[in-house]
Amino acid sequence: MPLVGTRPVTALEGGPLVTDLQSERLELPGCGILQIMYEIDAEGVQALIPPALHPTVPATVVFTVWNVPESPAGAFVVAEAKIGCRSGARPRGLLVRGFCSSAEGTAFLSSKWGYPVTQANVSLTKRYDRIRGVAESGGNTLLDITLLNPEPIAGNDIQYLANLNVARLDREGATVARLIQSDPDYVFRSADRGKPEMSVFDADAFGLGGAHAYFPVSASYAVADINMPEVRYLVDPSKSPLASVERL
């Protein structure tokens, strides 16, 4: 039998309340995107995801830092740590908690696509020999990842997981937990790969307590126009994988 998550749904009830799901596509031009993947200990990975999802084999965490220079909410930078999973047969990344550099960006992502982000100091720095993403809050470093020695590649060599964002919706006067699927399209301007390095990952800060990232898998950086999606699918985290998807 396929493995499924065991995380209690009550542990996912702290996401943002979404009252206005995005109903049309929206372009964010010229974004820098740093993505680094690590394997995590397989033992305990089921406790990180709810019953509606399957864990990946091997178990993975995907770190993503976006630098968005232009949007309806102004410029902002976002840091995510997502657990690799499957919704049915589809590969996804579960985002329980992330961080955004501005209050406007935080409200923009939370209200439209249910991104469970809070404000923090997030930066993405590009140099000739490395590209580094950092998230800090209250004097503590929450995430510090680096792509070393970038080498040019084609944009179609990069693949990004669609998000499942932990959020809350109002259903008939009651607030319910839902995972909101966000699956942007990307128009690549440039892309690089390199050696991944993760020096700090505060798993508790990202709502992933117990996740131990131990083996680097891949690192990429791209400049791309991000086409944020119309929200089409929700996942009820309490149901079985085959019964959990809701189409809007």
Foldseek 3Di string as FASTA:
>chain_A
DADFADADVVLLAPFAEADAAFAFKDKQAFKKKKKWKFFWDQVPPSNLAFQQKGADVRKMKMWMKIFRCDDPLHTKIKIFIFTWIDLVNAIATEFREIEMADPSVCCVCCHHQRARYYYFHWDWDDDQFKIWIWTDHPRDTAWIKMFGRWDWDDPVVDDDHWYFHWYWYQDPNDIATKTWTKDKDKDFPTKTWGFIDIDHHNCVNRVRPPIDGDGTDTIMMTTTIIITGRTFWMFRSHDHSVPTIDGD
